[in-house]
Amino acid sequence: MDVKVNDSCIGCGACESICDAVFRVNGVAVVDASAVADNEDCIKEAAEACPVGAIEVA
């Protein structure tokens, strides 16, 4: 799974509250790529919850 946060991120923290093993928000969200494989379900949930659709999952 490839996870990216695009430039539309507003730093709201929704992704981090849903999947803090993968997402950290410090102004904008960043992805811990080393944690992606073990957290695919919460990544998908975070992507769906993102209010601006900034999380791209492929």
N, C-alpha and C. Protein backbone atom coordinates (compact mmCIF):
# COMPACT_ATOMS: atom_id res chain seq x y z
N MET A 1 0.85 -1.17 0.00
CA MET A 1 0.00 0.00 0.00
C MET A 1 0.90 1.24 0.00
N ASP A 2 0.56 2.18 -0.85
CA ASP A 2 1.28 3.45 -0.92
C ASP A 2 0.37 4.54 -0.36
N VAL A 3 0.87 5.28 0.63
CA VAL A 3 0.07 6.32 1.29
C VAL A 3 0.80 7.64 1.20
N LYS A 4 0.09 8.66 0.73
CA LYS A 4 0.66 10.00 0.63
C LYS A 4 -0.36 11.00 1.17
N VAL A 5 0.15 12.12 1.64
CA VAL A 5 -0.70 13.24 2.05
C VAL A 5 -0.42 14.37 1.07
N ASN A 6 -1.46 14.81 0.35
CA ASN A 6 -1.25 15.85 -0.65
C ASN A 6 -1.31 17.26 -0.06
N ASP A 7 -1.10 18.24 -0.90
CA ASP A 7 -0.99 19.64 -0.46
C ASP A 7 -2.28 20.24 0.08
N SER A 8 -3.40 19.53 -0.06
CA SER A 8 -4.65 20.09 0.45
C SER A 8 -4.82 19.88 1.95
N CYS A 9 -3.89 19.18 2.60
CA CYS A 9 -3.96 18.92 4.04
C CYS A 9 -4.06 20.23 4.82
N ILE A 10 -5.01 20.28 5.75
CA ILE A 10 -5.21 21.47 6.58
C ILE A 10 -4.72 21.26 8.01
N GLY A 11 -4.14 20.09 8.29
CA GLY A 11 -3.58 19.82 9.60
C GLY A 11 -4.61 19.68 10.70
N CYS A 12 -5.79 19.19 10.38
CA CYS A 12 -6.86 19.11 11.37
C CYS A 12 -6.64 18.05 12.44
N GLY A 13 -5.83 17.03 12.13
CA GLY A 13 -5.53 15.99 13.11
C GLY A 13 -6.45 14.79 13.09
N ALA A 14 -7.43 14.77 12.21
CA ALA A 14 -8.35 13.63 12.16
C ALA A 14 -7.61 12.33 11.88
N CYS A 15 -6.69 12.35 10.95
CA CYS A 15 -5.96 11.13 10.60
C CYS A 15 -5.15 10.62 11.78
N GLU A 16 -4.50 11.52 12.49
CA GLU A 16 -3.68 11.12 13.63
C GLU A 16 -4.54 10.55 14.75
N SER A 17 -5.72 11.12 14.96
CA SER A 17 -6.59 10.60 16.02
C SER A 17 -7.13 9.22 15.67
N ILE A 18 -7.26 8.91 14.39
CA ILE A 18 -7.76 7.61 13.95
C ILE A 18 -6.64 6.59 13.83
N CYS A 19 -5.48 7.02 13.36
CA CYS A 19 -4.39 6.09 13.05
C CYS A 19 -3.05 6.71 13.43
N ASP A 20 -2.83 6.84 14.74
CA ASP A 20 -1.62 7.53 15.19
C ASP A 20 -0.33 6.73 15.00
N ALA A 21 -0.45 5.46 14.64
CA ALA A 21 0.74 4.67 14.35
C ALA A 21 1.37 5.10 13.02
N VAL A 22 0.56 5.69 12.14
CA VAL A 22 1.02 6.04 10.79
C VAL A 22 1.12 7.55 10.59
N PHE A 23 0.14 8.30 11.10
CA PHE A 23 0.07 9.74 10.82
C PHE A 23 0.51 10.57 12.01
N ARG A 24 1.27 11.61 11.72
CA ARG A 24 1.66 12.64 12.69
C ARG A 24 1.33 13.99 12.08
N VAL A 25 0.75 14.86 12.88
CA VAL A 25 0.42 16.20 12.39
C VAL A 25 1.27 17.22 13.13
N ASN A 26 2.05 17.94 12.35
CA ASN A 26 2.86 19.04 12.86
C ASN A 26 2.74 20.15 11.82
N GLY A 27 1.62 20.84 11.85
CA GLY A 27 1.30 21.80 10.79
C GLY A 27 0.50 21.11 9.71
N VAL A 28 1.09 20.09 9.11
CA VAL A 28 0.40 19.22 8.15
C VAL A 28 0.73 17.78 8.51
N ALA A 29 -0.03 16.85 7.96
CA ALA A 29 0.18 15.44 8.28
C ALA A 29 1.36 14.87 7.52
N VAL A 30 2.09 13.98 8.19
CA VAL A 30 3.16 13.22 7.56
C VAL A 30 2.91 11.74 7.83
N VAL A 31 3.43 10.90 6.94
CA VAL A 31 3.22 9.46 7.01
C VAL A 31 4.49 8.76 7.46
N ASP A 32 4.36 7.86 8.43
CA ASP A 32 5.46 6.99 8.82
C ASP A 32 5.37 5.74 7.95
N ALA A 33 6.13 5.72 6.86
CA ALA A 33 6.04 4.64 5.88
C ALA A 33 6.36 3.28 6.47
N SER A 34 7.18 3.24 7.51
CA SER A 34 7.55 1.96 8.11
C SER A 34 6.38 1.30 8.84
N ALA A 35 5.33 2.06 9.15
CA ALA A 35 4.18 1.52 9.88
C ALA A 35 2.99 1.20 8.99
N VAL A 36 3.10 1.47 7.70
CA VAL A 36 1.95 1.31 6.79
C VAL A 36 1.47 -0.13 6.71
N ALA A 37 2.36 -1.07 6.53
CA ALA A 37 1.97 -2.47 6.30
C ALA A 37 1.13 -3.05 7.44
N ASP A 38 1.41 -2.65 8.66
CA ASP A 38 0.70 -3.20 9.82
C ASP A 38 -0.57 -2.46 10.17
N ASN A 39 -0.91 -1.41 9.43
CA ASN A 39 -2.04 -0.55 9.83
C ASN A 39 -2.96 -0.19 8.67
N GLU A 40 -3.11 -1.07 7.70
CA GLU A 40 -3.87 -0.73 6.50
C GLU A 40 -5.33 -0.40 6.79
N ASP A 41 -5.95 -1.09 7.74
CA ASP A 41 -7.36 -0.81 8.03
C ASP A 41 -7.57 0.60 8.57
N CYS A 42 -6.74 1.01 9.53
CA CYS A 42 -6.93 2.36 10.08
C CYS A 42 -6.50 3.43 9.08
N ILE A 43 -5.58 3.12 8.17
CA ILE A 43 -5.21 4.08 7.13
C ILE A 43 -6.41 4.36 6.24
N LYS A 44 -7.11 3.30 5.83
CA LYS A 44 -8.29 3.48 4.99
C LYS A 44 -9.36 4.28 5.72
N GLU A 45 -9.54 4.01 7.01
CA GLU A 45 -10.51 4.75 7.81
C GLU A 45 -10.13 6.23 7.90
N ALA A 46 -8.86 6.50 8.10
CA ALA A 46 -8.38 7.88 8.17
C ALA A 46 -8.58 8.60 6.85
N ALA A 47 -8.31 7.90 5.74
CA ALA A 47 -8.49 8.51 4.42
C ALA A 47 -9.95 8.88 4.18
N GLU A 48 -10.86 8.03 4.61
CA GLU A 48 -12.29 8.31 4.45
C GLU A 48 -12.74 9.46 5.33
N ALA A 49 -12.10 9.61 6.50
CA ALA A 49 -12.50 10.64 7.44
C ALA A 49 -11.89 12.01 7.14
N CYS A 50 -10.88 12.05 6.30
CA CYS A 50 -10.20 13.32 6.01
C CYS A 50 -11.19 14.31 5.40
N PRO A 51 -11.38 15.47 6.02
CA PRO A 51 -12.39 16.41 5.53
C PRO A 51 -12.07 17.06 4.19
N VAL A 52 -10.79 17.02 3.78
CA VAL A 52 -10.41 17.63 2.51
C VAL A 52 -9.88 16.61 1.51
N GLY A 53 -9.93 15.32 1.84
CA GLY A 53 -9.48 14.28 0.92
C GLY A 53 -7.99 14.33 0.64
N ALA A 54 -7.20 14.72 1.63
CA ALA A 54 -5.77 14.89 1.42
C ALA A 54 -4.97 13.58 1.45
N ILE A 55 -5.56 12.52 1.97
CA ILE A 55 -4.84 11.24 2.08
C ILE A 55 -5.10 10.42 0.83
N GLU A 56 -4.02 10.11 0.14
CA GLU A 56 -4.10 9.31 -1.09
C GLU A 56 -3.58 7.92 -0.81
N VAL A 57 -4.42 6.91 -1.08
CA VAL A 57 -4.06 5.51 -0.85
C VAL A 57 -4.11 4.77 -2.17
N ALA A 58 -3.03 4.08 -2.48
CA ALA A 58 -2.98 3.29 -3.72
C ALA A 58 -2.53 1.87 -3.42
